[in-house]
Amino acid sequence: ANYPHWVDFDCGTAKVIKGFTYLPRQDSNNGNIKKYSIQVSDDGKNWSAPVAEGNFDKDRKEKNITLDKPVKARYVRFTALSEQTGQDFATGAEFKVLEK
């Protein structure tokens, strides 16, 4: 499938979120996400405008995303918009929601 690719996370209850971490796949560079967007939702159906977006460096280090202003939400959508070498897939080892 062509981009975008996304995954939705349910935090179980509403959390005050201050940021996120993304750890790329560690056994190869295939699917290493370059451009990303993160949205939040209270109900898992209606999504906010992006609360974070940008480009990751091309390496296997954990990426830290700090929000300018914490948001309260139950659901998080992490969207991969492109891959470091132009491939049509995305991978990751870990994604964490950082609470305030």
Foldseek 3Di string as FASTA:
>chain_A
DADKDKDKDFQPAKFFFFWKKFFADDPDQPQAFFKKFKWFAAPVPDTDHTQDIHTDDRDRDMDITGGPGTDIHRMMMIIGGAGPVGDRHHGTDDMDTHGD
